[in-house]
Amino acid sequence: MSSVSYFPGRGTVRETAYLEGKTEGRAEGEAKGILSVLEVRGIPVTDSVRERITSCTDLDRMDTWLERSRTVERAEDLFGEEGSADKPVA
């Protein structure tokens, strides 16, 4: 017979890892979407811009970038008021 112990924090590590993985998966999907829109529109993406997009985990920021990707003239314009493409924002 197996015994299950219940104590404060039970499952926290597993639950946290699951939620972090879920967020990372959504962020990866957002990044692919942003890059895809820019590619379809024929907008070149530098390595630094690609890195900034793919390393971001802020889903709200990525939603903004996805919206902007439909109208920007340069990939660097995605970041708007946030600063230059070389400034790390995640």
Protein backbone atom coordinates (compact mmCIF):
# COMPACT_ATOMS: atom_id res chain seq x y z
CA MET A 1 0.00 0.00 0.00
CA SER A 2 1.42 3.38 -0.93
CA SER A 3 1.29 6.30 1.38
CA VAL A 4 0.81 9.85 0.15
CA SER A 5 2.04 12.60 2.40
CA TYR A 6 0.48 16.01 2.29
CA PHE A 7 2.66 18.88 3.40
CA PRO A 8 2.93 22.58 2.58
CA GLY A 9 4.52 23.13 -0.80
CA ARG A 10 3.58 19.69 -2.14
CA GLY A 11 3.88 19.76 -5.90
CA THR A 12 5.15 23.31 -6.04
CA VAL A 13 8.30 22.46 -7.99
CA ARG A 14 6.39 20.35 -10.50
CA GLU A 15 3.60 22.90 -10.86
CA THR A 16 6.08 25.77 -11.27
CA ALA A 17 8.04 23.85 -13.90
CA TYR A 18 4.82 23.03 -15.76
CA LEU A 19 3.66 26.65 -15.77
CA GLU A 20 7.09 27.93 -16.81
CA GLY A 21 7.18 25.41 -19.65
CA LYS A 22 3.72 26.45 -20.76
CA THR A 23 4.75 30.12 -20.80
CA GLU A 24 7.97 29.34 -22.68
CA GLY A 25 5.98 27.38 -25.25
CA ARG A 26 3.61 30.29 -25.78
CA ALA A 27 6.55 32.69 -26.07
CA GLU A 28 8.19 30.45 -28.69
CA GLY A 29 4.94 30.41 -30.66
CA GLU A 30 4.63 34.19 -30.47
CA ALA A 31 8.23 34.60 -31.64
CA LYS A 32 7.63 32.29 -34.60
CA GLY A 33 4.52 34.28 -35.49
CA ILE A 34 6.32 37.62 -35.37
CA LEU A 35 9.22 36.34 -37.47
CA SER A 36 6.83 34.70 -39.92
CA VAL A 37 4.87 37.93 -40.47
CA LEU A 38 8.10 39.84 -41.09
CA GLU A 39 9.32 37.15 -43.50
CA VAL A 40 6.07 37.10 -45.48
CA ARG A 41 6.21 40.89 -45.72
CA GLY A 42 9.80 40.69 -47.01
CA ILE A 43 11.28 42.60 -44.08
CA PRO A 44 14.87 41.60 -43.30
CA VAL A 45 15.60 40.59 -39.71
CA THR A 46 19.09 41.06 -38.28
CA ASP A 47 20.57 38.51 -35.91
CA SER A 48 20.27 40.95 -33.00
CA VAL A 49 16.57 41.56 -33.68
CA ARG A 50 15.95 37.82 -34.09
CA GLU A 51 17.72 37.16 -30.77
CA ARG A 52 15.71 39.84 -29.00
CA ILE A 53 12.43 38.40 -30.29
CA THR A 54 13.27 34.76 -29.56
CA SER A 55 14.67 35.44 -26.07
CA CYS A 56 11.70 37.49 -24.85
CA THR A 57 9.35 35.79 -22.39
CA ASP A 58 7.01 38.74 -21.76
CA LEU A 59 3.84 37.66 -23.54
CA ASP A 60 2.23 41.12 -23.37
CA ARG A 61 5.28 42.68 -25.01
CA MET A 62 5.28 39.97 -27.67
CA ASP A 63 1.59 40.58 -28.39
CA THR A 64 2.49 44.23 -29.01
CA TRP A 65 5.34 43.21 -31.30
CA LEU A 66 3.04 40.84 -33.21
CA GLU A 67 0.56 43.66 -33.79
CA ARG A 68 3.35 45.99 -34.92
CA SER A 69 4.86 43.34 -37.22
CA ARG A 70 1.93 43.84 -39.58
CA THR A 71 2.71 47.50 -40.24
CA VAL A 72 6.39 48.28 -39.50
CA GLU A 73 8.76 49.18 -42.31
CA ARG A 74 11.87 47.83 -40.54
CA ALA A 75 12.15 44.99 -38.03
CA GLU A 76 13.82 47.36 -35.54
CA ASP A 77 10.60 49.41 -35.50
CA LEU A 78 8.86 46.58 -33.63
CA PHE A 79 10.42 47.81 -30.43
CA GLY A 80 9.02 51.33 -30.74
CA GLU A 81 9.66 53.42 -27.64
CA GLU A 82 11.54 50.58 -25.94
CA GLY A 83 14.87 51.66 -27.39
CA SER A 84 17.35 50.27 -29.87
CA ALA A 85 17.39 46.64 -30.98
CA ASP A 86 20.63 46.11 -29.09
CA LYS A 87 19.11 47.01 -25.73
CA PRO A 88 18.20 43.77 -23.92
CA VAL A 89 14.53 43.62 -22.97
CA ALA A 90 12.89 40.41 -21.91
